[in-house]
Amino acid sequence: MSPSLPSLQWIHDRLVTSGLPGEGDFTLMAGSGVDTVINLGGPEDTLSLPEEDRLATAAGLRYLHLPVTFDRPTFADYELLRDLLNALYPRKVWIHCAKNYRVSALIFLYNVIDRSVPIPEARARMHEIWQPDEVWQSFLDEALEKYIYQYI
């Protein structure tokens, strides 16, 4: 894997996340067995990679763009990502956004809700990347209430 990938984080052997890749990272990811790249970058992002879809497919990767607006995350964003990850299993998937902030937050939910990772462990992994701002922390709290705490 490229050490140049910002905020690179292996979640498990079939899931890796990062910030914005460089042009050569798609070939490196494909060479490591990644099958699909999912870009969560939103329409407001100033950091983006022009023609990312072309770069991914030229490297032999499936490319999906699921834009998540940074200042307005939704339950639908989480649910769509969760459903995609479940549908893509056992393929190796790479998910990225500009800085791995929105990805790490949504993967926090995925780890807790879908993989039964204890909240402190999942939170520590997310905090390796960033401390969610007020918008994201509120969203995460509401999501835990909706998906987890109601069943306890």
Protein backbone atom coordinates (compact mmCIF):
# COMPACT_ATOMS: atom_id res chain seq x y z
CA MET A 1 0.00 0.00 0.00
CA SER A 2 1.14 3.51 -0.65
CA PRO A 3 2.50 5.27 2.41
CA SER A 4 1.39 8.50 0.70
CA LEU A 5 -2.29 7.71 1.22
CA PRO A 6 -3.44 10.13 3.93
CA SER A 7 -5.07 8.66 7.03
CA LEU A 8 -4.77 5.10 5.73
CA GLN A 9 -6.53 2.66 8.06
CA TRP A 10 -7.14 -1.07 7.71
CA ILE A 11 -10.49 -1.89 9.31
CA HIS A 12 -10.14 -5.62 8.70
CA ASP A 13 -8.60 -7.80 5.98
CA ARG A 14 -11.31 -6.86 3.45
CA LEU A 15 -11.84 -3.17 4.24
CA VAL A 16 -9.43 -0.25 4.04
CA THR A 17 -10.13 3.48 4.33
CA SER A 18 -8.16 6.61 3.53
CA GLY A 19 -8.19 10.24 2.63
CA LEU A 20 -7.90 11.43 -0.95
CA PRO A 21 -5.74 9.12 -3.09
CA GLY A 22 -3.17 10.12 -5.66
CA GLU A 23 -3.33 8.96 -9.26
CA GLY A 24 -0.94 6.04 -8.72
CA ASP A 25 -2.75 4.71 -5.67
CA PHE A 26 -5.44 2.97 -7.72
CA THR A 27 -2.94 0.62 -9.34
CA LEU A 28 -1.33 -0.06 -5.95
CA MET A 29 -4.72 -0.82 -4.38
CA ALA A 30 -5.67 -3.12 -7.24
CA GLY A 31 -2.32 -4.88 -6.84
CA SER A 32 -3.08 -5.48 -3.16
CA GLY A 33 -6.32 -7.26 -4.03
CA VAL A 34 -8.78 -4.40 -3.69
CA ASP A 35 -11.77 -5.02 -5.96
CA THR A 36 -13.93 -1.93 -5.40
CA VAL A 37 -13.30 1.70 -4.49
CA ILE A 38 -16.07 3.78 -2.95
CA ASN A 39 -15.66 7.56 -2.93
CA LEU A 40 -17.75 9.35 -0.27
CA GLY A 41 -16.48 12.78 -1.29
CA GLY A 42 -19.27 15.33 -1.43
CA PRO A 43 -20.15 17.98 -3.97
CA GLU A 44 -18.76 20.72 -1.73
CA ASP A 45 -15.28 19.19 -1.48
CA THR A 46 -12.43 21.38 -2.64
CA LEU A 47 -10.13 18.34 -2.44
CA SER A 48 -10.98 15.92 -5.20
CA LEU A 49 -9.28 13.93 -7.92
CA PRO A 50 -10.44 14.76 -11.44
CA GLU A 51 -11.48 11.72 -13.46
CA GLU A 52 -11.20 9.43 -10.45
CA ASP A 53 -13.69 7.04 -12.01
CA ARG A 54 -11.46 6.68 -15.08
CA LEU A 55 -8.34 6.12 -12.95
CA ALA A 56 -10.09 3.45 -10.89
CA THR A 57 -11.54 1.55 -13.81
CA ALA A 58 -8.22 1.76 -15.73
CA ALA A 59 -6.63 0.01 -12.73
CA GLY A 60 -9.28 -2.72 -12.92
CA LEU A 61 -11.33 -1.53 -9.94
CA ARG A 62 -15.06 -1.14 -9.68
CA TYR A 63 -15.81 2.51 -8.87
CA LEU A 64 -18.76 3.81 -6.88
CA HIS A 65 -19.35 7.42 -5.90
CA LEU A 66 -21.70 7.94 -2.97
CA PRO A 67 -21.45 11.64 -2.19
CA VAL A 68 -21.93 12.43 1.49
CA THR A 69 -22.36 16.13 2.16
CA PHE A 70 -19.91 16.87 4.95
CA ASP A 71 -22.09 19.22 6.97
CA ARG A 72 -25.30 17.17 6.53
CA PRO A 73 -24.72 13.44 7.11
CA THR A 74 -27.89 11.35 7.03
CA PHE A 75 -29.07 7.96 8.18
CA ALA A 76 -29.58 7.15 4.49
CA ASP A 77 -25.83 7.75 3.91
CA TYR A 78 -24.99 5.18 6.57
CA GLU A 79 -27.65 2.70 5.42
CA LEU A 80 -26.56 2.83 1.79
CA LEU A 81 -22.90 2.34 2.70
CA ARG A 82 -23.80 -0.53 5.07
CA ASP A 83 -25.90 -2.23 2.41
CA LEU A 84 -23.13 -1.86 -0.17
CA LEU A 85 -20.50 -3.29 2.15
CA ASN A 86 -22.74 -6.23 2.95
CA ALA A 87 -23.51 -6.79 -0.75
CA LEU A 88 -19.85 -6.55 -1.75
CA TYR A 89 -18.62 -9.03 0.86
CA PRO A 90 -16.25 -10.94 0.52
CA ARG A 91 -14.65 -8.56 -1.98
CA LYS A 92 -11.88 -6.30 -0.72
CA VAL A 93 -13.16 -2.71 -0.56
CA TRP A 94 -11.40 0.64 -0.25
CA ILE A 95 -13.47 3.61 0.91
CA HIS A 96 -12.18 7.15 0.87
CA CYS A 97 -13.20 10.79 1.10
CA ALA A 98 -11.12 13.96 1.20
CA LYS A 99 -9.56 13.41 4.64
CA ASN A 100 -11.12 10.12 5.85
CA TYR A 101 -13.32 12.06 8.30
CA ARG A 102 -16.77 11.15 7.00
CA VAL A 103 -15.58 7.63 6.16
CA SER A 104 -14.17 7.01 9.64
CA ALA A 105 -17.41 8.24 11.24
CA LEU A 106 -19.61 6.02 9.07
CA ILE A 107 -17.26 3.08 9.60
CA PHE A 108 -17.51 3.73 13.37
CA LEU A 109 -21.26 3.12 13.01
CA TYR A 110 -20.69 0.10 10.77
CA ASN A 111 -18.24 -1.41 13.25
CA VAL A 112 -20.57 -0.91 16.22
CA ILE A 113 -23.91 -1.71 14.62
CA ASP A 114 -23.05 -4.35 12.04
CA ARG A 115 -19.84 -5.89 13.34
CA SER A 116 -20.57 -5.72 17.10
CA VAL A 117 -17.29 -3.97 17.84
CA PRO A 118 -17.48 -2.46 21.34
CA ILE A 119 -18.16 1.28 21.21
CA PRO A 120 -14.93 2.29 23.02
CA GLU A 121 -12.83 0.24 20.59
CA ALA A 122 -14.65 1.58 17.52
CA ARG A 123 -14.45 5.13 18.86
CA ALA A 124 -10.70 4.80 19.47
CA ARG A 125 -10.22 3.71 15.85
CA MET A 126 -12.22 6.71 14.64
CA HIS A 127 -10.23 9.04 16.92
CA GLU A 128 -7.01 7.86 15.26
CA ILE A 129 -8.30 9.77 12.24
CA TRP A 130 -10.21 12.68 13.79
CA GLN A 131 -12.38 13.97 16.62
CA PRO A 132 -15.84 14.51 15.11
CA ASP A 133 -17.07 18.07 15.09
CA GLU A 134 -20.43 19.09 16.55
CA VAL A 135 -22.41 18.14 13.42
CA TRP A 136 -20.90 14.68 13.15
CA GLN A 137 -20.94 13.96 16.89
CA SER A 138 -24.64 14.81 17.01
CA PHE A 139 -25.26 12.59 13.99
CA LEU A 140 -23.33 9.70 15.56
CA ASP A 141 -25.21 10.06 18.86
CA GLU A 142 -28.56 10.07 17.04
CA ALA A 143 -27.54 7.08 14.93
CA LEU A 144 -26.53 5.07 17.99
CA GLU A 145 -29.87 5.97 19.58
CA LYS A 146 -31.73 4.88 16.44
CA TYR A 147 -29.84 1.70 15.67
CA ILE A 148 -28.41 0.42 18.95
CA TYR A 149 -29.68 1.88 22.18
CA GLN A 150 -33.33 1.23 21.41
CA TYR A 151 -32.57 -2.51 21.54
CA ILE A 152 -30.67 -2.52 24.83
